[in-house]
Amino acid sequence: MKKFITDKKGFTLIELLVAVAILGLVLMAISTTFINQRRGGLTQEDVTEAQQSARIGLETLVRDIRGSGLLIPKNGSVYPVDNAGSFDITLTMGSAMEVYATIENPTDADGNIGGLTSPITFIVNNARDFEYRSGADVMIIRPTEGMEPGSREEGAKNVCYTVTYLTPTTLMLTYKSGTLPTGGIPDINFRPGDTIVLHDCAAVSPIRTRYYFVPDPVGTPGTTVLRNLVRHVDANNNGIVDGTETGEVIVTNIIVPDADADGTPDLDANGRQIFPFIYLDRNGNETANVANITAVNVDITASTSRNVAQINNANRTRRLTSLVRIKNKFD
C-alpha cells in the first residue's frame, strides 16, 4: 500500500499579523529617524545661512565705517558719520573706493621721498588690484593726518592723478587736475606710508553712503522684525543720499529680537536694548553728537529664513557684534 504524506507546515493568521506589526514598527522607526535627520539638516542649513547673512552684513558695514572720512574736506562741518540713528547710519567720505596701494619708496634724511618729476613713479607694497585699471583716477592720502601730502606745507589741494600700472610693485602717476605748489610736483614732499586711493575726480566730494533697515510688512510673532539691510550710495554725485538712487539690499534676514513680543527690543547682557548701531566718543561713552563720534558698535542679529515649526516653534538666530573705530577721525 502506498503511504501518503501530507505536509501541513505554514503560517497561521496570528503569525502573519505579528510579522506585519513588527515590520510596521521597523518601518516607522526608520521613517522617524529619516524625518528627524532631514529636519535637522534643514535647520542646520538655515542656521548656517543666518550666520553667513550676519557675517556679510557686519563685514560690509565694518569696511565702510572704517573708510568713512577718507578724503573729506577738513572744514570742521563734515564728519565721517553724517547721521547717527539706531537703525540707520549715513557715512561720509571723499572716495567710494578702498585704499589699494601703499607707497614704499626710500627716503632722504628728512623722511621724505625726493627727486620726483611728472609723471611720478612710485614703488608700492602691492599693486595687483591696479593690474587692469590703468587709466583710473587716483588721489594720494596720508593716513596719519587724513590729508593729502603737501596740502599744508606746500599748498597742494585736491590733486588728482591718472595711474598707469607698470609692475606689481610699480605705479606711474600723471597729474590730471587740482592745485599744485608753485614748483609743481617736485615741491610736494611724499613719504613712505602715503596711500594711493581710487577716486572719481569728476565726482562731487564728499560722497555719502546710507545704511538702513526695512521693516518686514508682515512681521513674525515674538520678534521686532527689520528684515532687509539696504545700502544707498550717492551715485548721482550731488553730495547727498536723496532717495533717487537705487538701494542695494545687502542681506534679507536681519532682525531685532523681541522674545516677549512687547514691541520693545530685548536687552543684552549689559542691560541695554539691542540696536544695530551704538555710537561712542573717544572716552567710550555713548553719544548722539556726530562731531564726537570716534567709534561705532555694530550689532547684527540674523534669523533663519523659514520658521522651524517642528523645533520649538521658533526661528533660530545668530548674533555678531563688532566695535569699529573710525580710521580717519583725527579731531
Protein backbone atom coordinates (compact mmCIF):
# COMPACT_ATOMS: atom_id res chain seq x y z
CA MET A 1 0.00 0.00 0.00
CA LYS A 2 1.12 3.44 -0.81
CA LYS A 3 1.75 5.74 2.12
CA PHE A 4 0.54 9.32 1.58
CA ILE A 5 2.36 12.07 3.48
CA THR A 6 0.59 15.36 3.85
CA ASP A 7 2.83 18.46 4.61
CA LYS A 8 0.78 20.81 6.76
CA LYS A 9 3.62 23.37 7.53
CA GLY A 10 2.76 27.15 7.01
CA PHE A 11 1.91 30.45 8.76
CA THR A 12 -1.14 30.98 10.80
CA LEU A 13 -3.12 34.22 10.60
CA ILE A 14 -1.85 35.28 14.00
CA GLU A 15 1.76 34.79 12.92
CA LEU A 16 1.19 36.90 9.82
CA LEU A 17 -0.38 39.70 11.86
CA VAL A 18 2.55 39.68 14.29
CA ALA A 19 5.05 39.83 11.41
CA VAL A 20 3.19 42.70 9.76
CA ALA A 21 3.11 44.56 13.09
CA ILE A 22 6.85 44.09 13.64
CA LEU A 23 7.58 45.22 10.07
CA GLY A 24 5.39 48.29 10.61
CA LEU A 25 7.27 49.19 13.78
CA VAL A 26 10.62 48.85 12.00
CA LEU A 27 9.46 50.98 9.07
CA MET A 28 8.05 53.57 11.46
CA ALA A 29 11.37 53.76 13.32
CA ILE A 30 13.29 54.14 10.05
CA SER A 31 10.86 56.80 8.80
CA THR A 32 11.02 58.74 12.08
CA THR A 33 14.82 58.67 12.02
CA PHE A 34 14.88 59.85 8.40
CA ILE A 35 12.41 62.68 9.06
CA ASN A 36 14.32 63.84 12.14
CA GLN A 37 17.61 63.79 10.24
CA ARG A 38 16.00 65.69 7.38
CA ARG A 39 14.59 68.29 9.75
CA GLY A 40 17.93 68.61 11.47
CA GLY A 41 19.68 69.04 8.14
CA LEU A 42 17.27 71.75 7.01
CA THR A 43 17.58 73.51 10.36
CA GLN A 44 21.37 73.43 10.18
CA GLU A 45 21.26 74.83 6.65
CA ASP A 46 19.05 77.67 7.85
CA VAL A 47 21.30 78.36 10.84
CA THR A 48 24.37 78.42 8.59
CA GLU A 49 22.57 80.79 6.22
CA ALA A 50 21.62 83.07 9.11
CA GLN A 51 25.20 83.16 10.38
CA GLN A 52 26.52 83.89 6.90
CA SER A 53 23.99 86.70 6.47
CA ALA A 54 25.05 88.27 9.76
CA ARG A 55 28.70 87.99 8.72
CA ILE A 56 28.09 89.58 5.30
CA GLY A 57 26.14 92.45 6.84
CA LEU A 58 28.75 93.02 9.53
CA GLU A 59 31.76 92.88 7.19
CA THR A 60 30.14 95.29 4.72
CA LEU A 61 29.32 97.79 7.44
CA VAL A 62 32.74 97.49 9.09
CA ARG A 63 34.52 98.13 5.78
CA ASP A 64 32.58 101.32 5.08
CA ILE A 65 32.71 102.63 8.65
CA ARG A 66 36.49 102.22 8.76
CA GLY A 67 36.82 104.01 5.43
CA SER A 68 34.48 106.86 6.32
CA GLY A 69 36.08 110.29 6.49
CA LEU A 70 38.62 109.42 3.81
CA LEU A 71 39.49 112.48 1.70
CA ILE A 72 36.58 114.57 3.01
CA PRO A 73 37.13 118.36 3.27
CA LYS A 74 38.62 119.37 6.62
CA ASN A 75 36.29 122.35 7.12
CA GLY A 76 35.06 121.42 10.59
CA SER A 77 31.48 120.76 9.49
CA VAL A 78 31.73 117.44 7.63
CA TYR A 79 32.24 114.36 9.78
CA PRO A 80 32.79 110.66 9.00
CA VAL A 81 29.36 109.81 10.47
CA ASP A 82 26.89 112.27 8.98
CA ASN A 83 23.74 110.82 10.56
CA ALA A 84 23.62 108.59 13.64
CA GLY A 85 20.36 106.70 14.13
CA SER A 86 19.62 103.49 16.00
CA PHE A 87 18.56 101.71 12.81
CA ASP A 88 20.25 103.85 10.13
CA ILE A 89 23.65 105.42 9.60
CA THR A 90 24.99 107.80 6.94
CA LEU A 91 28.74 107.75 6.28
CA THR A 92 30.72 110.48 4.54
CA MET A 93 33.90 110.05 2.53
CA GLY A 94 35.65 111.60 -0.44
CA SER A 95 36.31 108.29 -2.14
CA ALA A 96 33.90 105.43 -2.70
CA MET A 97 36.79 103.03 -3.23
CA GLU A 98 39.13 101.33 -0.78
CA VAL A 99 42.85 102.00 -0.41
CA TYR A 100 44.72 99.81 -2.87
CA ALA A 101 48.45 100.54 -2.58
CA THR A 102 50.87 101.96 -0.01
CA ILE A 103 53.98 103.88 -1.12
CA GLU A 104 57.31 102.34 -0.04
CA ASN A 105 59.95 104.40 -1.86
CA PRO A 106 63.22 105.01 0.06
CA THR A 107 63.53 108.42 1.70
CA ASP A 108 66.09 111.13 2.32
CA ALA A 109 67.39 112.20 5.74
CA ASP A 110 64.17 114.12 6.45
CA GLY A 111 62.00 111.08 5.79
CA ASN A 112 60.67 112.47 2.50
CA ILE A 113 60.64 110.97 -0.97
CA GLY A 114 62.52 113.46 -3.10
CA GLY A 115 63.62 113.96 -6.69
CA LEU A 116 60.19 113.35 -8.20
CA THR A 117 59.04 114.77 -11.51
CA SER A 118 55.83 114.37 -13.51
CA PRO A 119 54.88 111.67 -14.24
CA ILE A 120 55.70 110.20 -10.82
CA THR A 121 56.88 106.61 -10.46
CA PHE A 122 56.19 105.06 -7.06
CA ILE A 123 57.34 101.78 -5.57
CA VAL A 124 54.37 100.37 -3.65
CA ASN A 125 53.67 97.41 -1.38
CA ASN A 126 51.24 95.72 -3.77
CA ALA A 127 49.53 96.98 -6.89
CA ARG A 128 47.93 93.81 -8.22
CA ASP A 129 44.48 95.38 -7.83
CA PHE A 130 45.57 98.04 -10.32
CA GLU A 131 46.61 95.50 -12.91
CA TYR A 132 43.52 96.02 -15.06
CA ARG A 133 42.86 99.61 -14.03
CA SER A 134 45.43 101.62 -15.96
CA GLY A 135 43.86 104.98 -16.73
CA ALA A 136 41.89 105.14 -13.46
CA ASP A 137 41.77 108.33 -11.39
CA VAL A 138 43.57 108.31 -8.04
CA MET A 139 44.49 110.60 -5.18
CA ILE A 140 47.21 110.25 -2.54
CA ILE A 141 46.33 110.37 1.16
CA ARG A 142 48.48 110.41 4.30
CA PRO A 143 46.62 108.15 6.77
CA THR A 144 48.32 109.61 9.85
CA GLU A 145 46.85 113.04 9.05
CA GLY A 146 43.84 112.21 6.92
CA MET A 147 45.03 114.73 4.32
CA GLU A 148 46.87 114.64 1.03
CA PRO A 149 50.66 115.17 1.02
CA GLY A 150 51.66 118.80 0.57
CA SER A 151 48.24 120.23 1.48
CA ARG A 152 49.63 122.05 4.50
CA GLU A 153 53.25 122.88 3.76
CA GLU A 154 53.26 123.27 0.00
CA GLY A 155 49.62 124.22 -0.67
CA ALA A 156 48.61 121.19 -2.78
CA LYS A 157 44.83 120.76 -2.89
CA ASN A 158 42.57 118.10 -4.45
CA VAL A 159 45.41 116.87 -6.68
CA CYS A 160 44.17 114.08 -8.92
CA TYR A 161 46.35 111.71 -10.94
CA THR A 162 45.89 109.17 -13.71
CA VAL A 163 47.50 105.84 -12.85
CA THR A 164 49.46 103.57 -15.18
CA TYR A 165 50.15 100.03 -13.98
CA LEU A 166 53.78 99.08 -14.67
CA THR A 167 54.55 96.07 -12.45
CA PRO A 168 53.01 94.51 -9.32
CA THR A 169 55.14 96.90 -7.25
CA THR A 170 55.43 99.92 -9.54
CA LEU A 171 52.84 102.56 -10.44
CA MET A 172 53.26 105.65 -12.59
CA LEU A 173 51.03 108.64 -11.79
CA THR A 174 50.41 111.51 -14.21
CA TYR A 175 49.00 114.83 -12.95
CA LYS A 176 45.40 115.35 -14.04
CA SER A 177 43.78 118.14 -12.02
CA GLY A 178 43.89 120.08 -8.76
CA THR A 179 46.07 122.80 -7.22
CA LEU A 180 49.83 122.16 -7.33
CA PRO A 181 52.53 124.12 -5.45
CA THR A 182 54.38 126.87 -7.33
CA GLY A 183 57.16 124.46 -8.28
CA GLY A 184 54.76 121.71 -9.28
CA ILE A 185 55.08 118.10 -8.19
CA PRO A 186 58.80 118.35 -7.21
CA ASP A 187 57.76 120.71 -4.39
CA ILE A 188 55.47 118.11 -2.77
CA ASN A 189 57.06 116.04 -0.01
CA PHE A 190 55.78 112.45 -0.16
CA ARG A 191 56.60 109.83 2.48
CA PRO A 192 56.54 106.05 2.80
CA GLY A 193 53.11 105.06 4.08
CA ASP A 194 51.24 107.54 1.89
CA THR A 195 48.49 105.58 0.19
CA ILE A 196 47.15 105.66 -3.35
CA VAL A 197 43.35 105.67 -3.41
CA LEU A 198 40.99 105.13 -6.33
CA HIS A 199 38.90 108.29 -6.66
CA ASP A 200 36.46 109.65 -9.23
CA CYS A 201 37.93 113.09 -9.91
CA ALA A 202 34.69 114.22 -11.56
CA ALA A 203 32.58 113.31 -8.52
CA VAL A 204 31.29 115.82 -6.04
CA SER A 205 33.08 115.42 -2.73
CA PRO A 206 32.07 114.36 -0.16
CA ILE A 207 30.28 111.17 -1.13
CA ARG A 208 27.66 109.82 1.26
CA THR A 209 26.59 106.23 1.88
CA ARG A 210 23.49 105.41 3.91
CA TYR A 211 22.66 102.09 5.57
CA TYR A 212 19.16 101.46 6.90
CA PHE A 213 16.81 98.60 7.76
CA VAL A 214 13.48 97.99 6.01
CA PRO A 215 10.72 96.58 8.29
CA ASP A 216 9.01 93.36 7.33
CA PRO A 217 5.43 94.30 6.27
CA VAL A 218 4.11 91.03 7.68
CA GLY A 219 6.21 90.55 10.77
CA THR A 220 6.75 87.47 12.88
CA PRO A 221 5.16 86.87 16.30
CA GLY A 222 7.70 87.28 19.06
CA THR A 223 10.10 89.48 17.10
CA THR A 224 10.54 93.11 16.19
CA VAL A 225 11.42 92.46 12.57
CA LEU A 226 13.74 94.59 10.44
CA ARG A 227 14.36 92.19 7.61
CA ASN A 228 16.38 93.97 4.89
CA LEU A 229 19.68 95.79 5.35
CA VAL A 230 19.86 98.31 2.47
CA ARG A 231 22.88 100.32 1.26
CA HIS A 232 22.37 103.58 -0.64
CA VAL A 233 25.32 105.35 -2.27
CA ASP A 234 25.39 108.90 -3.66
CA ALA A 235 25.52 107.56 -7.20
CA ASN A 236 24.25 110.87 -8.60
CA ASN A 237 27.34 112.74 -7.34
CA ASN A 238 25.17 115.50 -5.89
CA GLY A 239 26.65 115.28 -2.40
CA ILE A 240 23.56 113.78 -0.72
CA VAL A 241 21.74 110.48 -0.44
CA ASP A 242 18.34 111.76 -1.51
CA GLY A 243 16.49 108.54 -2.28
CA THR A 244 16.75 108.88 -6.06
CA GLU A 245 19.48 106.24 -6.12
CA THR A 246 18.71 102.54 -6.29
CA GLY A 247 19.37 100.91 -2.94
CA GLU A 248 21.33 97.68 -2.78
CA VAL A 249 19.92 95.02 -0.44
CA ILE A 250 22.91 93.57 1.42
CA VAL A 251 21.11 90.88 3.46
CA THR A 252 17.44 89.98 3.87
CA ASN A 253 17.02 88.25 7.23
CA ILE A 254 18.27 90.72 9.86
CA ILE A 255 16.08 91.14 12.96
CA VAL A 256 15.94 92.94 16.27
CA PRO A 257 15.00 90.34 18.93
CA ASP A 258 11.80 90.81 20.94
CA ALA A 259 11.25 87.46 22.65
CA ASP A 260 8.41 88.63 24.91
CA ALA A 261 6.62 90.33 21.96
CA ASP A 262 6.07 93.57 23.88
CA GLY A 263 7.22 95.72 20.95
CA THR A 264 10.46 96.72 22.71
CA PRO A 265 13.82 95.22 21.64
CA ASP A 266 15.32 92.74 24.08
CA LEU A 267 18.10 93.73 26.48
CA ASP A 268 21.59 92.33 26.13
CA ALA A 269 23.79 91.02 28.95
CA ASN A 270 24.65 94.60 29.94
CA GLY A 271 21.01 95.61 30.24
CA ARG A 272 20.97 97.67 27.03
CA GLN A 273 18.49 97.35 24.20
CA ILE A 274 19.89 95.55 21.17
CA PHE A 275 20.32 98.09 18.40
CA PRO A 276 22.33 97.69 15.19
CA PHE A 277 24.25 100.93 15.87
CA ILE A 278 25.61 102.38 19.13
CA TYR A 279 27.90 105.42 18.83
CA LEU A 280 30.85 106.13 21.13
CA ASP A 281 33.14 109.10 21.73
CA ARG A 282 36.88 108.90 22.35
CA ASN A 283 36.25 108.08 26.03
CA GLY A 284 33.97 105.15 25.22
CA ASN A 285 30.78 106.95 26.22
CA GLU A 286 27.63 106.77 24.11
CA THR A 287 26.95 109.94 22.11
CA ALA A 288 24.50 111.20 19.50
CA ASN A 289 26.70 114.16 18.51
CA VAL A 290 28.24 113.37 15.12
CA ALA A 291 31.16 115.69 15.89
CA ASN A 292 32.20 113.47 18.81
CA ILE A 293 31.74 110.00 17.28
CA THR A 294 35.03 108.11 17.01
CA ALA A 295 33.73 104.51 17.03
CA VAL A 296 30.57 102.60 16.17
CA ASN A 297 29.38 99.40 17.82
CA VAL A 298 27.65 97.31 15.13
CA ASP A 299 25.19 94.70 16.41
CA ILE A 300 23.74 92.31 13.81
CA THR A 301 21.27 89.51 14.53
CA ALA A 302 20.18 87.28 11.64
CA SER A 303 17.27 84.85 11.65
CA THR A 304 16.69 81.58 9.85
CA SER A 305 14.80 82.15 6.61
CA ARG A 306 11.88 79.83 7.40
CA ASN A 307 10.04 79.26 10.65
CA VAL A 308 11.18 75.92 12.05
CA ALA A 309 7.77 74.96 13.44
CA GLN A 310 8.81 71.40 14.21
CA ILE A 311 11.54 72.53 16.59
CA ASN A 312 10.36 74.72 19.47
CA ASN A 313 8.05 76.57 17.05
CA ALA A 314 10.61 79.34 16.62
CA ASN A 315 13.25 80.64 14.29
CA ARG A 316 16.91 80.21 15.14
CA THR A 317 19.10 83.33 15.32
CA ARG A 318 22.79 84.15 15.16
CA ARG A 319 24.22 87.38 16.56
CA LEU A 320 27.53 89.08 15.71
CA THR A 321 28.90 92.33 17.11
CA SER A 322 31.96 94.44 16.37
CA LEU A 323 33.34 97.69 17.75
CA VAL A 324 34.64 99.64 14.75
CA ARG A 325 36.98 102.57 15.24
CA ILE A 326 36.85 105.22 12.52
CA LYS A 327 40.33 105.27 11.00
CA ASN A 328 40.11 108.79 9.58
CA LYS A 329 38.87 110.64 12.67
CA PHE A 330 41.66 112.99 13.73
CA ASP A 331 39.91 115.73 15.71
